[in-house]
Amino acid sequence: MAFTVKAARYGIGTGPEESVDVTRAVQKVATKKGLAIARVDNTALGVGPIFPGLRKRLYVSYKNGGVASTASALERKSLKIGKS
């Protein structure tokens, strides 16, 4: 079974008032083997200036080999899941 991104949110929390849906942007960079984002930031995720001055985090729900899991990375850090 391949790696698939189910959902991704980016912001100061996971709620709708605290984050934006970036699922499509993350799915575009994912491969069948995994996901690698060199630097998590507004530009990499295709969002404008959201929550200025606050440290944001990317939250990703995914399946890898049929096993559901989650991962997260702070803004300006990298995120690697699987073998991408």
PDB file of N, CA and C in Angstrom:
ATOM      1  N   MET A   1       0.827  -1.178   0.000  1.00  0.00           N
ATOM      2  CA  MET A   1       0.000   0.000   0.000  1.00  0.00           C
ATOM      3  C   MET A   1       0.875   1.246   0.000  1.00  0.00           C
ATOM      4  N   ALA A   2       0.418   2.268  -0.659  1.00  0.00           N
ATOM      5  CA  ALA A   2       1.191   3.485  -0.835  1.00  0.00           C
ATOM      6  C   ALA A   2       0.935   4.494   0.280  1.00  0.00           C
ATOM      7  N   PHE A   3       1.792   5.475   0.339  1.00  0.00           N
ATOM      8  CA  PHE A   3       1.660   6.604   1.254  1.00  0.00           C
ATOM      9  C   PHE A   3       0.598   7.564   0.723  1.00  0.00           C
ATOM     10  N   THR A   4      -0.336   7.989   1.566  1.00  0.00           N
ATOM     11  CA  THR A   4      -1.349   8.960   1.158  1.00  0.00           C
ATOM     12  C   THR A   4      -1.592   9.970   2.275  1.00  0.00           C
ATOM     13  N   VAL A   5      -1.716  11.228   1.890  1.00  0.00           N
ATOM     14  CA  VAL A   5      -2.053  12.296   2.829  1.00  0.00           C
ATOM     15  C   VAL A   5      -3.569  12.388   2.891  1.00  0.00           C
ATOM     16  N   LYS A   6      -4.120  12.264   4.080  1.00  0.00           N
ATOM     17  CA  LYS A   6      -5.570  12.336   4.273  1.00  0.00           C
ATOM     18  C   LYS A   6      -6.017  13.766   4.566  1.00  0.00           C
ATOM     19  N   ALA A   7      -5.252  14.504   5.394  1.00  0.00           N
ATOM     20  CA  ALA A   7      -5.608  15.879   5.753  1.00  0.00           C
ATOM     21  C   ALA A   7      -4.363  16.600   6.243  1.00  0.00           C
ATOM     22  N   ALA A   8      -4.342  17.905   6.059  1.00  0.00           N
ATOM     23  CA  ALA A   8      -3.236  18.727   6.559  1.00  0.00           C
ATOM     24  C   ALA A   8      -3.779  20.098   6.947  1.00  0.00           C
ATOM     25  N   ARG A   9      -3.352  20.580   8.109  1.00  0.00           N
ATOM     26  CA  ARG A   9      -3.751  21.898   8.585  1.00  0.00           C
ATOM     27  C   ARG A   9      -2.500  22.632   9.039  1.00  0.00           C
ATOM     28  N   TYR A  10      -2.526  23.971   8.888  1.00  0.00           N
ATOM     29  CA  TYR A  10      -1.367  24.790   9.230  1.00  0.00           C
ATOM     30  C   TYR A  10      -1.848  25.993  10.021  1.00  0.00           C
ATOM     31  N   GLY A  11      -1.273  26.192  11.193  1.00  0.00           N
ATOM     32  CA  GLY A  11      -1.660  27.330  12.007  1.00  0.00           C
ATOM     33  C   GLY A  11      -1.164  27.203  13.424  1.00  0.00           C
ATOM     34  N   ILE A  12      -1.863  27.892  14.329  1.00  0.00           N
ATOM     35  CA  ILE A  12      -1.450  27.923  15.733  1.00  0.00           C
ATOM     36  C   ILE A  12      -2.147  26.841  16.557  1.00  0.00           C
ATOM     37  N   GLY A  13      -3.032  26.095  15.931  1.00  0.00           N
ATOM     38  CA  GLY A  13      -3.749  24.988  16.554  1.00  0.00           C
ATOM     39  C   GLY A  13      -4.393  24.154  15.465  1.00  0.00           C
ATOM     40  N   THR A  14      -5.272  23.246  15.848  1.00  0.00           N
ATOM     41  CA  THR A  14      -5.897  22.387  14.844  1.00  0.00           C
ATOM     42  C   THR A  14      -7.334  22.776  14.533  1.00  0.00           C
ATOM     43  N   GLY A  15      -7.926  23.641  15.330  1.00  0.00           N
ATOM     44  CA  GLY A  15      -9.308  24.050  15.110  1.00  0.00           C
ATOM     45  C   GLY A  15      -9.461  24.962  13.902  1.00  0.00           C
ATOM     46  N   PRO A  16     -10.695  25.095  13.397  1.00  0.00           N
ATOM     47  CA  PRO A  16     -10.930  25.916  12.203  1.00  0.00           C
ATOM     48  C   PRO A  16     -10.594  27.397  12.392  1.00  0.00           C
ATOM     49  N   GLU A  17     -10.681  27.905  13.622  1.00  0.00           N
ATOM     50  CA  GLU A  17     -10.327  29.307  13.878  1.00  0.00           C
ATOM     51  C   GLU A  17      -8.822  29.490  14.059  1.00  0.00           C
ATOM     52  N   GLU A  18      -8.111  28.384  14.261  1.00  0.00           N
ATOM     53  CA  GLU A  18      -6.683  28.440  14.559  1.00  0.00           C
ATOM     54  C   GLU A  18      -5.789  27.975  13.420  1.00  0.00           C
ATOM     55  N   SER A  19      -6.393  27.508  12.315  1.00  0.00           N
ATOM     56  CA  SER A  19      -5.574  26.955  11.240  1.00  0.00           C
ATOM     57  C   SER A  19      -6.306  27.035   9.905  1.00  0.00           C
ATOM     58  N   VAL A  20      -5.551  26.787   8.839  1.00  0.00           N
ATOM     59  CA  VAL A  20      -6.132  26.733   7.499  1.00  0.00           C
ATOM     60  C   VAL A  20      -5.859  25.347   6.906  1.00  0.00           C
ATOM     61  N   ASP A  21      -6.754  24.936   6.019  1.00  0.00           N
ATOM     62  CA  ASP A  21      -6.629  23.639   5.364  1.00  0.00           C
ATOM     63  C   ASP A  21      -5.603  23.735   4.238  1.00  0.00           C
ATOM     64  N   VAL A  22      -4.536  22.958   4.323  1.00  0.00           N
ATOM     65  CA  VAL A  22      -3.483  22.940   3.299  1.00  0.00           C
ATOM     66  C   VAL A  22      -3.326  21.540   2.714  1.00  0.00           C
ATOM     67  N   THR A  23      -4.402  20.756   2.785  1.00  0.00           N
ATOM     68  CA  THR A  23      -4.348  19.366   2.334  1.00  0.00           C
ATOM     69  C   THR A  23      -3.887  19.257   0.887  1.00  0.00           C
ATOM     70  N   ARG A  24      -4.490  20.028  -0.006  1.00  0.00           N
ATOM     71  CA  ARG A  24      -4.126  19.927  -1.428  1.00  0.00           C
ATOM     72  C   ARG A  24      -2.658  20.286  -1.672  1.00  0.00           C
ATOM     73  N   ALA A  25      -2.152  21.304  -1.003  1.00  0.00           N
ATOM     74  CA  ALA A  25      -0.749  21.705  -1.177  1.00  0.00           C
ATOM     75  C   ALA A  25       0.192  20.594  -0.727  1.00  0.00           C
ATOM     76  N   VAL A  26      -0.124  19.951   0.379  1.00  0.00           N
ATOM     77  CA  VAL A  26       0.719  18.871   0.899  1.00  0.00           C
ATOM     78  C   VAL A  26       0.602  17.626   0.007  1.00  0.00           C
ATOM     79  N   GLN A  27      -0.608  17.330  -0.469  1.00  0.00           N
ATOM     80  CA  GLN A  27      -0.777  16.183  -1.363  1.00  0.00           C
ATOM     81  C   GLN A  27       0.025  16.349  -2.652  1.00  0.00           C
ATOM     82  N   LYS A  28       0.178  17.569  -3.126  1.00  0.00           N
ATOM     83  CA  LYS A  28       0.932  17.818  -4.366  1.00  0.00           C
ATOM     84  C   LYS A  28       2.407  17.465  -4.237  1.00  0.00           C
ATOM     85  N   VAL A  29       2.983  17.619  -3.048  1.00  0.00           N
ATOM     86  CA  VAL A  29       4.410  17.326  -2.884  1.00  0.00           C
ATOM     87  C   VAL A  29       4.676  15.913  -2.357  1.00  0.00           C
ATOM     88  N   ALA A  30       3.617  15.210  -1.960  1.00  0.00           N
ATOM     89  CA  ALA A  30       3.774  13.833  -1.479  1.00  0.00           C
ATOM     90  C   ALA A  30       4.004  12.889  -2.656  1.00  0.00           C
ATOM     91  N   THR A  31       4.720  11.810  -2.392  1.00  0.00           N
ATOM     92  CA  THR A  31       4.935  10.762  -3.384  1.00  0.00           C
ATOM     93  C   THR A  31       4.297   9.477  -2.856  1.00  0.00           C
ATOM     94  N   LYS A  32       4.364   8.411  -3.626  1.00  0.00           N
ATOM     95  CA  LYS A  32       3.825   7.124  -3.175  1.00  0.00           C
ATOM     96  C   LYS A  32       4.629   6.544  -2.018  1.00  0.00           C
ATOM     97  N   LYS A  33       5.854   7.045  -1.831  1.00  0.00           N
ATOM     98  CA  LYS A  33       6.727   6.528  -0.778  1.00  0.00           C
ATOM     99  C   LYS A  33       6.719   7.382   0.491  1.00  0.00           C
ATOM    100  N   GLY A  34       6.327   8.672   0.380  1.00  0.00           N
ATOM    101  CA  GLY A  34       6.346   9.517   1.567  1.00  0.00           C
ATOM    102  C   GLY A  34       6.223  10.992   1.243  1.00  0.00           C
ATOM    103  N   LEU A  35       6.654  11.805   2.182  1.00  0.00           N
ATOM    104  CA  LEU A  35       6.528  13.257   2.082  1.00  0.00           C
ATOM    105  C   LEU A  35       7.790  13.908   2.612  1.00  0.00           C
ATOM    106  N   ALA A  36       8.280  14.910   1.905  1.00  0.00           N
ATOM    107  CA  ALA A  36       9.422  15.688   2.379  1.00  0.00           C
ATOM    108  C   ALA A  36       9.188  17.158   2.050  1.00  0.00           C
ATOM    109  N   ILE A  37       9.194  17.986   3.089  1.00  0.00           N
ATOM    110  CA  ILE A  37       9.100  19.442   2.928  1.00  0.00           C
ATOM    111  C   ILE A  37      10.339  20.015   3.599  1.00  0.00           C
ATOM    112  N   ALA A  38      11.191  20.650   2.812  1.00  0.00           N
ATOM    113  CA  ALA A  38      12.473  21.137   3.321  1.00  0.00           C
ATOM    114  C   ALA A  38      12.308  22.239   4.359  1.00  0.00           C
ATOM    115  N   ARG A  39      11.316  23.111   4.172  1.00  0.00           N
ATOM    116  CA  ARG A  39      11.088  24.215   5.112  1.00  0.00           C
ATOM    117  C   ARG A  39       9.592  24.495   5.162  1.00  0.00           C
ATOM    118  N   VAL A  40       8.977  24.213   6.293  1.00  0.00           N
ATOM    119  CA  VAL A  40       7.556  24.471   6.473  1.00  0.00           C
ATOM    120  C   VAL A  40       7.373  25.974   6.682  1.00  0.00           C
ATOM    121  N   ASP A  41       6.684  26.618   5.747  1.00  0.00           N
ATOM    122  CA  ASP A  41       6.372  28.037   5.886  1.00  0.00           C
ATOM    123  C   ASP A  41       5.197  28.402   4.982  1.00  0.00           C
ATOM    124  N   ASN A  42       4.753  29.650   5.069  1.00  0.00           N
ATOM    125  CA  ASN A  42       3.594  30.106   4.303  1.00  0.00           C
ATOM    126  C   ASN A  42       3.793  29.897   2.806  1.00  0.00           C
ATOM    127  N   THR A  43       4.977  30.174   2.296  1.00  0.00           N
ATOM    128  CA  THR A  43       5.257  30.043   0.868  1.00  0.00           C
ATOM    129  C   THR A  43       5.190  28.586   0.424  1.00  0.00           C
ATOM    130  N   ALA A  44       5.806  27.689   1.161  1.00  0.00           N
ATOM    131  CA  ALA A  44       5.815  26.269   0.794  1.00  0.00           C
ATOM    132  C   ALA A  44       4.412  25.675   0.790  1.00  0.00           C
ATOM    133  N   LEU A  45       3.528  26.219   1.631  1.00  0.00           N
ATOM    134  CA  LEU A  45       2.178  25.681   1.747  1.00  0.00           C
ATOM    135  C   LEU A  45       1.150  26.472   0.952  1.00  0.00           C
ATOM    136  N   GLY A  46       1.598  27.530   0.294  1.00  0.00           N
ATOM    137  CA  GLY A  46       0.709  28.290  -0.575  1.00  0.00           C
ATOM    138  C   GLY A  46      -0.342  29.119   0.139  1.00  0.00           C
ATOM    139  N   VAL A  47      -0.014  29.588   1.329  1.00  0.00           N
ATOM    140  CA  VAL A  47      -0.944  30.449   2.065  1.00  0.00           C
ATOM    141  C   VAL A  47      -0.339  31.841   2.216  1.00  0.00           C
ATOM    142  N   GLY A  48      -1.185  32.809   2.359  1.00  0.00           N
ATOM    143  CA  GLY A  48      -0.725  34.181   2.564  1.00  0.00           C
ATOM    144  C   GLY A  48      -0.287  34.390   4.005  1.00  0.00           C
ATOM    145  N   PRO A  49      -0.167  35.632   4.398  1.00  0.00           N
ATOM    146  CA  PRO A  49       0.268  35.925   5.772  1.00  0.00           C
ATOM    147  C   PRO A  49      -0.839  35.616   6.783  1.00  0.00           C
ATOM    148  N   ILE A  50      -0.738  34.468   7.418  1.00  0.00           N
ATOM    149  CA  ILE A  50      -1.736  34.078   8.419  1.00  0.00           C
ATOM    150  C   ILE A  50      -1.110  34.107   9.810  1.00  0.00           C
ATOM    151  N   PHE A  51      -1.871  34.483  10.791  1.00  0.00           N
ATOM    152  CA  PHE A  51      -1.432  34.530  12.187  1.00  0.00           C
ATOM    153  C   PHE A  51      -0.062  35.194  12.331  1.00  0.00           C
ATOM    154  N   PRO A  52       0.077  36.447  11.856  1.00  0.00           N
ATOM    155  CA  PRO A  52       1.381  37.121  11.906  1.00  0.00           C
ATOM    156  C   PRO A  52       1.927  37.225  13.329  1.00  0.00           C
ATOM    157  N   GLY A  53       3.207  36.985  13.444  1.00  0.00           N
ATOM    158  CA  GLY A  53       3.897  37.087  14.722  1.00  0.00           C
ATOM    159  C   GLY A  53       3.743  35.877  15.625  1.00  0.00           C
ATOM    160  N   LEU A  54       2.973  34.892  15.209  1.00  0.00           N
ATOM    161  CA  LEU A  54       2.773  33.700  16.022  1.00  0.00           C
ATOM    162  C   LEU A  54       3.430  32.497  15.347  1.00  0.00           C
ATOM    163  N   ARG A  55       4.011  31.618  16.148  1.00  0.00           N
ATOM    164  CA  ARG A  55       4.681  30.428  15.622  1.00  0.00           C
ATOM    165  C   ARG A  55       3.644  29.402  15.191  1.00  0.00           C
ATOM    166  N   LYS A  56       3.708  28.991  13.961  1.00  0.00           N
ATOM    167  CA  LYS A  56       2.738  28.060  13.395  1.00  0.00           C
ATOM    168  C   LYS A  56       3.304  26.647  13.319  1.00  0.00           C
ATOM    169  N   ARG A  57       2.402  25.683  13.118  1.00  0.00           N
ATOM    170  CA  ARG A  57       2.787  24.282  13.020  1.00  0.00           C
ATOM    171  C   ARG A  57       1.956  23.637  11.916  1.00  0.00           C
ATOM    172  N   LEU A  58       2.577  22.735  11.170  1.00  0.00           N
ATOM    173  CA  LEU A  58       1.888  21.936  10.164  1.00  0.00           C
ATOM    174  C   LEU A  58       1.514  20.603  10.796  1.00  0.00           C
ATOM    175  N   TYR A  59       0.239  20.234  10.675  1.00  0.00           N
ATOM    176  CA  TYR A  59      -0.275  18.959  11.173  1.00  0.00           C
ATOM    177  C   TYR A  59      -0.705  18.131   9.971  1.00  0.00           C
ATOM    178  N   VAL A  60      -0.214  16.901   9.863  1.00  0.00           N
ATOM    179  CA  VAL A  60      -0.531  16.034   8.723  1.00  0.00           C
ATOM    180  C   VAL A  60      -1.071  14.695   9.214  1.00  0.00           C
ATOM    181  N   SER A  61      -2.245  14.315   8.687  1.00  0.00           N
ATOM    182  CA  SER A  61      -2.804  12.977   8.921  1.00  0.00           C
ATOM    183  C   SER A  61      -2.558  12.182   7.645  1.00  0.00           C
ATOM    184  N   TYR A  62      -2.032  10.976   7.779  1.00  0.00           N
ATOM    185  CA  TYR A  62      -1.670  10.199   6.601  1.00  0.00           C
ATOM    186  C   TYR A  62      -1.819   8.712   6.853  1.00  0.00           C
ATOM    187  N   LYS A  63      -1.767   7.954   5.757  1.00  0.00           N
ATOM    188  CA  LYS A  63      -1.707   6.498   5.829  1.00  0.00           C
ATOM    189  C   LYS A  63      -0.444   6.057   5.111  1.00  0.00           C
ATOM    190  N   ASN A  64       0.276   5.142   5.728  1.00  0.00           N
ATOM    191  CA  ASN A  64       1.492   4.603   5.129  1.00  0.00           C
ATOM    192  C   ASN A  64       1.420   3.092   5.263  1.00  0.00           C
ATOM    193  N   GLY A  65       1.271   2.418   4.141  1.00  0.00           N
ATOM    194  CA  GLY A  65       1.133   0.972   4.171  1.00  0.00           C
ATOM    195  C   GLY A  65      -0.137   0.517   4.867  1.00  0.00           C
ATOM    196  N   GLY A  66      -1.184   1.336   4.772  1.00  0.00           N
ATOM    197  CA  GLY A  66      -2.457   0.991   5.386  1.00  0.00           C
ATOM    198  C   GLY A  66      -2.582   1.381   6.846  1.00  0.00           C
ATOM    199  N   VAL A  67      -1.512   1.886   7.440  1.00  0.00           N
ATOM    200  CA  VAL A  67      -1.522   2.270   8.848  1.00  0.00           C
ATOM    201  C   VAL A  67      -1.723   3.785   8.958  1.00  0.00           C
ATOM    202  N   ALA A  68      -2.768   4.208   9.654  1.00  0.00           N
ATOM    203  CA  ALA A  68      -3.057   5.635   9.835  1.00  0.00           C
ATOM    204  C   ALA A  68      -2.174   6.210  10.939  1.00  0.00           C
ATOM    205  N   SER A  69      -1.708   7.442  10.717  1.00  0.00           N
ATOM    206  CA  SER A  69      -0.853   8.104  11.690  1.00  0.00           C
ATOM    207  C   SER A  69      -0.920   9.611  11.492  1.00  0.00           C
ATOM    208  N   THR A  70      -0.252  10.347  12.366  1.00  0.00           N
ATOM    209  CA  THR A  70      -0.164  11.807  12.246  1.00  0.00           C
ATOM    210  C   THR A  70       1.273  12.239  12.477  1.00  0.00           C
ATOM    211  N   ALA A  71       1.586  13.418  11.952  1.00  0.00           N
ATOM    212  CA  ALA A  71       2.904  14.006  12.158  1.00  0.00           C
ATOM    213  C   ALA A  71       2.734  15.519  12.170  1.00  0.00           C
ATOM    214  N   SER A  72       3.703  16.212  12.747  1.00  0.00           N
ATOM    215  CA  SER A  72       3.652  17.662  12.736  1.00  0.00           C
ATOM    216  C   SER A  72       5.070  18.222  12.690  1.00  0.00           C
ATOM    217  N   ALA A  73       5.156  19.471  12.253  1.00  0.00           N
ATOM    218  CA  ALA A  73       6.449  20.158  12.207  1.00  0.00           C
ATOM    219  C   ALA A  73       6.220  21.642  12.449  1.00  0.00           C
ATOM    220  N   LEU A  74       7.098  22.237  13.216  1.00  0.00           N
ATOM    221  CA  LEU A  74       7.038  23.672  13.465  1.00  0.00           C
ATOM    222  C   LEU A  74       7.418  24.455  12.220  1.00  0.00           C
ATOM    223  N   GLU A  75       6.898  25.663  12.137  1.00  0.00           N
ATOM    224  CA  GLU A  75       7.255  26.593  11.068  1.00  0.00           C
ATOM    225  C   GLU A  75       8.780  26.741  11.014  1.00  0.00           C
ATOM    226  N   ARG A  76       9.307  26.830   9.821  1.00  0.00           N
ATOM    227  CA  ARG A  76      10.743  26.981   9.531  1.00  0.00           C
ATOM    228  C   ARG A  76      11.571  25.725   9.795  1.00  0.00           C
ATOM    229  N   LYS A  77      10.908  24.604  10.093  1.00  0.00           N
ATOM    230  CA  LYS A  77      11.594  23.321  10.257  1.00  0.00           C
ATOM    231  C   LYS A  77      11.250  22.438   9.066  1.00  0.00           C
ATOM    232  N   SER A  78      11.941  21.328   8.931  1.00  0.00           N
ATOM    233  CA  SER A  78      11.629  20.397   7.848  1.00  0.00           C
ATOM    234  C   SER A  78      10.711  19.290   8.354  1.00  0.00           C
ATOM    235  N   LEU A  79      10.059  18.628   7.409  1.00  0.00           N
ATOM    236  CA  LEU A  79       9.204  17.496   7.741  1.00  0.00           C
ATOM    237  C   LEU A  79       9.465  16.391   6.744  1.00  0.00           C
ATOM    238  N   LYS A  80       9.798  15.211   7.251  1.00  0.00           N
ATOM    239  CA  LYS A  80      10.027  14.054   6.383  1.00  0.00           C
ATOM    240  C   LYS A  80       9.273  12.869   6.982  1.00  0.00           C
ATOM    241  N   ILE A  81       8.438  12.262   6.131  1.00  0.00           N
ATOM    242  CA  ILE A  81       7.673  11.084   6.517  1.00  0.00           C
ATOM    243  C   ILE A  81       7.905  10.021   5.458  1.00  0.00           C
ATOM    244  N   GLY A  82       8.209   8.809   5.867  1.00  0.00           N
ATOM    245  CA  GLY A  82       8.435   7.733   4.899  1.00  0.00           C
ATOM    246  C   GLY A  82       9.754   7.902   4.182  1.00  0.00           C
ATOM    247  N   LYS A  83       9.812   7.397   2.944  1.00  0.00           N
ATOM    248  CA  LYS A  83      11.060   7.412   2.186  1.00  0.00           C
ATOM    249  C   LYS A  83      11.085   8.491   1.116  1.00  0.00           C
ATOM    250  N   SER A  84       9.968   9.200   0.924  1.00  0.00           N
ATOM    251  CA  SER A  84       9.799  10.248  -0.099  1.00  0.00           C
ATOM    252  C   SER A  84      10.889  10.155  -1.136  1.00  0.00           C
TER     253      SER A  84
END
